[in-house]
N, C-alpha and C. Protein backbone atom coordinates (compact mmCIF):
# COMPACT_ATOMS: atom_id res chain seq x y z
N MET A 1 32.23 22.09 25.01
CA MET A 1 31.96 23.51 25.49
C MET A 1 33.48 24.08 25.66
N SER A 2 33.57 25.81 25.39
CA SER A 2 34.83 26.03 25.69
C SER A 2 34.60 26.45 27.41
N GLU A 3 36.11 27.09 27.87
CA GLU A 3 35.72 27.23 29.24
C GLU A 3 35.37 28.80 29.55
N VAL A 4 35.09 29.46 28.75
CA VAL A 4 34.61 30.81 28.23
C VAL A 4 33.38 30.68 28.68
N SER A 5 32.56 29.67 27.54
CA SER A 5 30.92 29.39 27.60
C SER A 5 30.43 28.37 28.58
N ARG A 6 31.74 27.88 29.15
CA ARG A 6 31.13 27.36 30.60
C ARG A 6 30.95 27.61 31.61
N ARG A 7 31.78 28.96 31.69
CA ARG A 7 31.45 29.87 33.14
C ARG A 7 30.39 31.07 32.79
N THR A 8 30.18 31.35 31.47
CA THR A 8 28.84 32.18 31.11
C THR A 8 27.62 31.35 31.83
N TRP A 9 27.84 30.12 30.90
CA TRP A 9 26.45 29.20 31.42
C TRP A 9 26.35 28.95 32.90
N LEU A 10 27.31 28.91 33.58
CA LEU A 10 27.13 28.84 35.32
C LEU A 10 26.51 30.11 35.80
N ARG A 11 27.13 30.79 35.10
CA ARG A 11 27.15 32.63 35.75
C ARG A 11 25.25 32.57 35.59
N ARG A 12 25.07 32.02 34.36
CA ARG A 12 23.15 32.16 34.32
C ARG A 12 23.05 31.85 34.63
N LEU A 13 23.05 30.32 34.96
CA LEU A 13 22.55 29.11 35.66
C LEU A 13 22.19 29.43 37.22
N ALA A 14 23.50 30.05 37.91
CA ALA A 14 23.25 30.56 39.34
C ALA A 14 22.89 31.85 39.35
N GLY A 15 22.26 32.34 38.62
CA GLY A 15 21.20 34.16 38.08
C GLY A 15 19.99 33.54 38.52
N ALA A 16 19.86 32.51 37.81
CA ALA A 16 18.55 31.44 38.01
C ALA A 16 17.77 31.44 39.04
N ALA A 17 19.17 30.60 39.77
CA ALA A 17 18.60 30.23 40.85
C ALA A 17 18.24 30.86 42.12
N VAL A 18 19.06 31.91 42.01
CA VAL A 18 18.94 33.16 42.70
C VAL A 18 17.44 33.74 42.59
N LEU A 19 17.42 33.77 41.78
CA LEU A 19 15.57 34.65 41.20
C LEU A 19 14.30 33.51 41.66
N ALA A 20 14.62 32.33 41.40
CA ALA A 20 13.72 31.01 41.91
C ALA A 20 13.49 30.59 43.32
N VAL A 21 14.24 31.53 44.03
CA VAL A 21 14.20 31.55 45.87
C VAL A 21 12.96 32.16 46.03
N PRO A 22 12.07 32.15 46.72
CA PRO A 22 10.70 33.12 47.09
C PRO A 22 11.69 33.69 48.21
N PHE A 23 10.90 34.70 48.22
CA PHE A 23 11.33 35.86 49.19
C PHE A 23 9.84 35.75 50.07
N VAL A 24 10.70 35.39 51.47
CA VAL A 24 10.55 35.36 52.75
C VAL A 24 11.03 36.51 53.51
N THR A 25 9.86 37.23 54.39
CA THR A 25 10.11 37.74 55.33
C THR A 25 9.75 37.23 56.83
N SER A 26 10.44 37.80 57.51
CA SER A 26 9.92 37.54 59.10
C SER A 26 9.11 38.13 59.72
N GLY A 27 7.80 37.14 60.29
CA GLY A 27 6.58 38.10 60.76
C GLY A 27 5.37 38.51 59.41
N ALA A 28 5.71 37.91 58.41
CA ALA A 28 4.65 38.33 57.91
C ALA A 28 3.24 37.58 57.88
N ARG A 29 2.38 38.29 57.39
CA ARG A 29 0.88 37.78 57.81
C ARG A 29 0.32 37.29 56.39
N PRO A 30 -0.57 36.12 56.34
CA PRO A 30 -0.92 35.89 55.21
C PRO A 30 -2.32 37.15 54.80
N LEU A 31 -2.50 36.93 53.53
CA LEU A 31 -3.24 38.09 52.92
C LEU A 31 -4.90 36.87 53.62
N PRO A 32 -5.80 38.22 53.74
CA PRO A 32 -7.05 37.63 54.53
C PRO A 32 -8.18 36.93 52.82
N ALA A 33 -8.74 35.84 53.65
CA ALA A 33 -9.22 35.52 52.49
C ALA A 33 -10.12 36.51 52.11
N VAL A 34 -10.89 36.51 50.55
CA VAL A 34 -11.51 37.61 50.02
C VAL A 34 -12.55 36.94 49.55
N ALA A 35 -14.03 37.20 50.25
CA ALA A 35 -15.47 36.98 49.94
C ALA A 35 -15.66 36.73 48.07
N LYS A 36 -15.84 35.45 48.20
CA LYS A 36 -16.56 35.97 46.55
C LYS A 36 -18.43 35.65 46.51
N HIS A 37 -18.99 36.49 45.80
CA HIS A 37 -20.64 36.43 45.94
C HIS A 37 -20.39 35.66 44.24
N GLU A 38 -21.49 35.00 43.53
CA GLU A 38 -22.06 34.57 43.05
C GLU A 38 -23.49 35.03 42.29
N PHE A 39 -23.73 35.39 41.13
CA PHE A 39 -25.13 35.79 41.18
C PHE A 39 -24.97 35.12 39.59
N GLN A 40 -26.22 34.49 39.39
CA GLN A 40 -26.71 34.54 38.21
C GLN A 40 -28.12 35.49 37.86
N VAL A 41 -27.71 36.24 36.72
CA VAL A 41 -28.20 37.12 35.79
C VAL A 41 -28.75 37.10 34.61
N SER A 42 -29.90 36.77 34.48
CA SER A 42 -30.60 36.88 32.95
C SER A 42 -31.25 37.77 32.90
N ALA A 43 -31.10 38.16 31.17
CA ALA A 43 -31.86 38.94 30.38
C ALA A 43 -33.11 38.80 29.90
N HIS A 44 -34.32 39.56 29.71
CA HIS A 44 -35.48 39.00 28.53
C HIS A 44 -36.08 39.96 28.52
N LYS A 45 -35.83 40.54 27.24
CA LYS A 45 -36.58 41.63 26.91
C LYS A 45 -36.31 42.70 27.64
N TYR A 46 -36.99 43.49 28.29
CA TYR A 46 -36.65 44.95 29.15
C TYR A 46 -36.42 44.69 30.47
N ALA A 47 -35.98 43.22 30.94
CA ALA A 47 -35.44 43.48 32.48
C ALA A 47 -34.48 42.45 32.75
N TYR A 48 -33.67 42.71 33.55
CA TYR A 48 -33.06 41.69 34.10
C TYR A 48 -33.54 40.96 35.00
N ARG A 49 -33.11 39.45 35.71
CA ARG A 49 -33.24 39.06 36.56
C ARG A 49 -32.49 38.12 37.04
N VAL A 50 -32.13 38.46 38.72
CA VAL A 50 -31.48 38.17 39.40
C VAL A 50 -31.86 36.86 40.17
N ALA A 51 -31.48 35.59 40.02
CA ALA A 51 -31.68 34.41 40.79
C ALA A 51 -31.99 34.68 42.56
N GLY A 52 -32.89 34.22 42.96
CA GLY A 52 -32.88 34.69 44.26
C GLY A 52 -33.45 35.97 44.71
N GLY A 53 -33.79 36.91 44.19
CA GLY A 53 -33.84 37.99 44.48
C GLY A 53 -35.36 38.44 43.45
N ASP A 54 -35.84 39.34 43.80
CA ASP A 54 -37.10 40.26 43.62
C ASP A 54 -37.13 41.43 42.46
N ARG A 55 -35.81 42.00 42.68
CA ARG A 55 -34.85 42.93 41.60
C ARG A 55 -33.81 42.78 41.48
N ALA A 56 -33.59 43.74 40.52
CA ALA A 56 -32.15 43.54 39.32
C ALA A 56 -31.40 43.86 39.88
N GLU A 57 -31.23 43.62 40.96
CA GLU A 57 -29.83 44.56 42.23
C GLU A 57 -28.62 43.35 42.71
N LEU A 58 -27.55 43.28 42.82
CA LEU A 58 -26.57 43.03 42.87
C LEU A 58 -25.83 43.55 44.33
N HIS A 59 -26.15 43.06 44.95
CA HIS A 59 -25.58 43.69 46.84
C HIS A 59 -23.97 43.41 46.91
N VAL A 60 -22.78 43.84 47.36
CA VAL A 60 -22.03 43.18 47.95
C VAL A 60 -20.88 44.40 48.67
N ARG A 61 -20.11 43.59 49.04
CA ARG A 61 -19.33 44.47 50.35
C ARG A 61 -17.97 45.09 49.28
N GLU A 62 -17.18 46.17 49.66
CA GLU A 62 -15.74 46.96 49.20
C GLU A 62 -14.90 45.76 49.46
N GLY A 63 -14.17 45.07 48.65
CA GLY A 63 -13.26 44.06 48.69
C GLY A 63 -13.80 42.96 48.19
N GLU A 64 -15.08 42.81 47.74
CA GLU A 64 -14.92 41.13 47.69
C GLU A 64 -15.26 41.11 45.94
N ILE A 65 -14.85 39.78 45.80
CA ILE A 65 -14.89 39.75 44.24
C ILE A 65 -16.27 38.74 43.72
N VAL A 66 -17.00 39.62 42.96
CA VAL A 66 -18.07 39.33 42.42
C VAL A 66 -18.12 38.27 40.90
N HIS A 67 -18.97 37.12 41.41
CA HIS A 67 -18.93 36.33 39.81
C HIS A 67 -20.00 36.48 39.17
N ILE A 68 -20.12 36.01 38.42
CA ILE A 68 -21.38 36.40 37.42
C ILE A 68 -21.60 35.68 36.39
N VAL A 69 -22.39 34.79 36.23
CA VAL A 69 -23.02 33.98 34.95
C VAL A 69 -24.40 35.01 34.57
N PHE A 70 -23.99 35.71 33.53
CA PHE A 70 -25.06 36.14 32.56
C PHE A 70 -25.85 35.73 31.36
N ALA A 71 -26.68 35.21 31.36
CA ALA A 71 -27.76 34.96 30.19
C ALA A 71 -28.16 35.81 29.72
N ALA A 72 -28.77 35.40 28.00
CA ALA A 72 -29.85 36.32 27.61
C ALA A 72 -30.71 34.86 26.84
N ASP A 73 -32.29 35.33 27.40
CA ASP A 73 -33.24 34.52 27.30
C ASP A 73 -33.64 34.32 26.03
N ASP A 74 -33.34 36.06 24.66
CA ASP A 74 -34.59 35.66 24.35
C ASP A 74 -33.72 36.33 23.12
N ILE A 75 -33.26 37.70 22.35
CA ILE A 75 -32.51 37.96 22.13
C ILE A 75 -31.00 38.19 22.54
N PRO A 76 -29.53 38.42 21.85
CA PRO A 76 -28.40 38.77 22.44
C PRO A 76 -28.73 40.38 23.31
N HIS A 77 -28.04 40.00 24.54
CA HIS A 77 -28.17 41.23 25.36
C HIS A 77 -26.66 41.85 26.36
N SER A 78 -26.65 42.66 26.85
CA SER A 78 -25.26 43.27 27.44
C SER A 78 -25.78 43.23 28.36
N PHE A 79 -24.40 42.68 29.50
CA PHE A 79 -24.02 43.47 30.88
C PHE A 79 -23.07 44.51 30.85
N THR A 80 -23.47 46.23 30.44
CA THR A 80 -22.64 46.87 30.54
C THR A 80 -22.51 47.33 32.35
N ILE A 81 -21.83 48.15 32.90
CA ILE A 81 -21.33 48.52 33.59
C ILE A 81 -20.20 50.18 33.60
N ASP A 82 -20.39 51.41 33.13
CA ASP A 82 -19.38 52.04 33.28
C ASP A 82 -18.67 52.53 34.27
N ALA A 83 -17.44 53.30 34.04
CA ALA A 83 -16.63 53.89 34.96
C ALA A 83 -17.22 53.83 36.20
N PRO A 84 -16.56 52.71 37.42
CA PRO A 84 -14.77 52.86 37.50
C PRO A 84 -14.89 50.92 36.77
N TYR A 85 -16.28 50.20 36.70
CA TYR A 85 -15.58 49.15 36.27
C TYR A 85 -15.66 48.65 35.13
N ARG A 86 -16.10 49.10 34.08
CA ARG A 86 -15.68 48.89 32.98
C ARG A 86 -16.05 48.01 32.18
N ILE A 87 -17.30 47.28 32.91
CA ILE A 87 -17.77 46.15 32.06
C ILE A 87 -18.67 45.96 30.73
N ASP A 88 -18.33 45.49 30.06
CA ASP A 88 -19.25 45.15 29.23
C ASP A 88 -18.76 43.58 28.61
N LYS A 89 -19.96 42.79 28.55
CA LYS A 89 -20.17 41.56 28.43
C LYS A 89 -20.96 41.32 27.22
N ARG A 90 -21.36 40.59 26.75
CA ARG A 90 -22.57 40.38 25.22
C ARG A 90 -23.00 38.49 25.92
N ALA A 91 -23.85 37.98 25.94
CA ALA A 91 -24.44 37.10 26.32
C ALA A 91 -25.59 36.61 24.82
N SER A 92 -25.83 35.88 24.19
CA SER A 92 -26.40 35.25 22.96
C SER A 92 -27.27 34.25 23.88
N PRO A 93 -28.71 34.06 23.24
CA PRO A 93 -29.72 33.01 23.39
C PRO A 93 -28.99 31.36 23.67
N GLY A 94 -28.60 30.95 25.14
CA GLY A 94 -27.90 29.66 24.53
C GLY A 94 -26.23 29.63 24.16
N LYS A 95 -26.26 30.85 25.07
CA LYS A 95 -24.66 30.92 25.46
C LYS A 95 -23.97 32.19 26.76
N PRO A 96 -24.47 31.29 27.49
CA PRO A 96 -24.31 32.56 28.80
C PRO A 96 -22.48 32.69 28.87
N VAL A 97 -22.49 34.17 29.12
CA VAL A 97 -20.95 34.48 29.75
C VAL A 97 -20.46 34.34 31.07
N THR A 98 -19.21 34.16 31.59
CA THR A 98 -19.30 34.07 33.48
C THR A 98 -17.74 35.11 33.08
N PHE A 99 -18.20 35.53 33.95
CA PHE A 99 -16.46 36.74 34.53
C PHE A 99 -16.57 37.21 35.71
N GLU A 100 -15.89 37.35 36.31
CA GLU A 100 -15.69 38.10 37.91
C GLU A 100 -15.00 39.23 38.03
N PHE A 101 -15.27 40.19 38.76
CA PHE A 101 -14.38 41.59 38.75
C PHE A 101 -14.19 41.29 40.47
N LEU A 102 -13.13 42.28 40.98
CA LEU A 102 -13.28 42.78 42.23
C LEU A 102 -13.59 43.92 42.59
N ALA A 103 -14.69 44.18 43.18
CA ALA A 103 -15.57 45.03 43.93
C ALA A 103 -14.86 46.00 44.85
N ASP A 104 -13.81 46.95 43.80
CA ASP A 104 -13.04 48.01 44.72
C ASP A 104 -13.51 49.15 45.00
N ARG A 105 -14.79 49.32 44.47
CA ARG A 105 -15.28 51.06 44.38
C ARG A 105 -16.27 50.66 45.09
N PRO A 106 -16.62 51.59 46.37
CA PRO A 106 -18.01 51.65 46.77
C PRO A 106 -18.79 52.26 46.02
N GLY A 107 -19.96 52.73 46.23
CA GLY A 107 -21.32 52.93 45.61
C GLY A 107 -21.92 52.19 44.99
N THR A 108 -22.86 53.17 44.07
CA THR A 108 -24.42 52.24 43.81
C THR A 108 -23.83 52.81 42.26
N PHE A 109 -24.30 51.73 40.98
CA PHE A 109 -23.77 51.82 40.02
C PHE A 109 -24.23 50.67 38.89
N GLU A 110 -25.15 51.82 38.15
CA GLU A 110 -26.02 50.93 37.39
C GLU A 110 -25.41 50.18 35.98
N PHE A 111 -25.92 49.17 36.06
CA PHE A 111 -26.10 47.85 34.65
C PHE A 111 -27.11 47.87 33.98
N TYR A 112 -26.39 48.10 32.40
CA TYR A 112 -27.50 48.07 31.59
C TYR A 112 -27.32 47.22 30.39
N CYS A 113 -27.98 47.21 29.03
CA CYS A 113 -27.98 46.45 28.57
C CYS A 113 -27.68 48.11 27.14
N ASN A 114 -26.05 47.77 26.19
CA ASN A 114 -25.93 48.70 25.12
C ASN A 114 -26.25 48.40 24.14
N LEU A 115 -26.68 47.25 23.67
CA LEU A 115 -26.72 46.73 22.08
C LEU A 115 -28.15 47.32 21.85
N ALA A 116 -27.89 47.96 20.30
CA ALA A 116 -28.62 48.55 19.60
C ALA A 116 -30.11 47.51 18.52
N LEU A 117 -30.46 46.26 19.25
CA LEU A 117 -31.42 45.36 18.43
C LEU A 117 -32.46 45.80 18.70
N ASP A 118 -32.81 46.37 20.25
CA ASP A 118 -34.25 47.18 20.24
C ASP A 118 -33.81 48.14 21.07
N GLU A 119 -34.52 49.34 20.69
CA GLU A 119 -34.25 50.38 21.20
C GLU A 119 -34.73 50.84 22.14
N ARG A 120 -35.98 50.01 22.94
CA ARG A 120 -36.61 49.95 24.18
C ARG A 120 -36.06 49.21 25.30
N CYS A 121 -35.27 48.03 24.67
CA CYS A 121 -34.31 47.05 25.80
C CYS A 121 -33.27 48.41 26.07
N ARG A 122 -32.76 48.93 24.94
CA ARG A 122 -31.70 50.27 24.71
C ARG A 122 -31.49 50.88 26.77
N LYS A 123 -33.25 51.35 26.15
CA LYS A 123 -33.56 52.38 27.22
C LYS A 123 -34.04 51.79 28.62
N GLU A 124 -34.91 50.87 28.78
CA GLU A 124 -35.31 50.07 30.10
C GLU A 124 -35.12 49.06 30.72
N LEU A 125 -33.22 48.25 29.77
CA LEU A 125 -33.37 47.16 30.54
C LEU A 125 -32.03 47.37 31.82
N ARG A 126 -32.04 48.10 32.78
CA ARG A 126 -31.68 48.22 33.76
C ARG A 126 -31.90 47.49 35.08
N GLY A 127 -30.34 48.16 35.62
CA GLY A 127 -29.92 46.63 36.90
C GLY A 127 -29.21 47.82 37.80
N THR A 128 -29.01 47.48 39.10
CA THR A 128 -27.96 47.93 40.23
C THR A 128 -26.86 47.23 40.91
N LEU A 129 -26.19 47.52 40.71
CA LEU A 129 -24.88 47.22 41.59
C LEU A 129 -24.42 48.24 42.79
N ILE A 130 -24.94 47.10 44.04
CA ILE A 130 -24.25 48.27 45.18
C ILE A 130 -22.91 47.78 45.46
N VAL A 131 -22.53 48.74 46.04
CA VAL A 131 -20.90 48.08 46.75
C VAL A 131 -21.42 49.04 47.99
N ASP A 132 -21.04 48.16 49.19
CA ASP A 132 -21.30 48.72 50.22
C ASP A 132 -19.94 48.90 51.25
N PRO A 133 -19.19 50.31 51.65
CA PRO A 133 -18.18 49.80 52.15
C PRO A 133 -17.37 49.47 53.04
N ARG A 134 -16.07 49.27 53.08
CA ARG A 134 -16.06 48.13 54.16
C ARG A 134 -16.30 48.86 55.60
């Protein structure tokens, strides 16, 4: 290795070592633990079912992580929430889908099936996500 390439290599190595050192500040506080709510949601014909509940309702607090296992019992269905969350997940019978999102916007949001397999399903399959403010 020539002297020039050796110096170049050493400079790059030193730069990489500086980047690898973690940034530490005095008095830094650890981030608070984030609560996670887990839901089992299934869809069958014209109704969503949320395990452990009697209504198609997901209730969380702002800042919490929402973990959903979504299953379709009869035909393919979707779990769709428009703005601000923009979620669109599809499940087929025997093929559930799992996903998470941060409930960072308080409010009441409708979730619905947007698939066109059954027009009645598209109109009637509805549920509610309620995000309470902190």
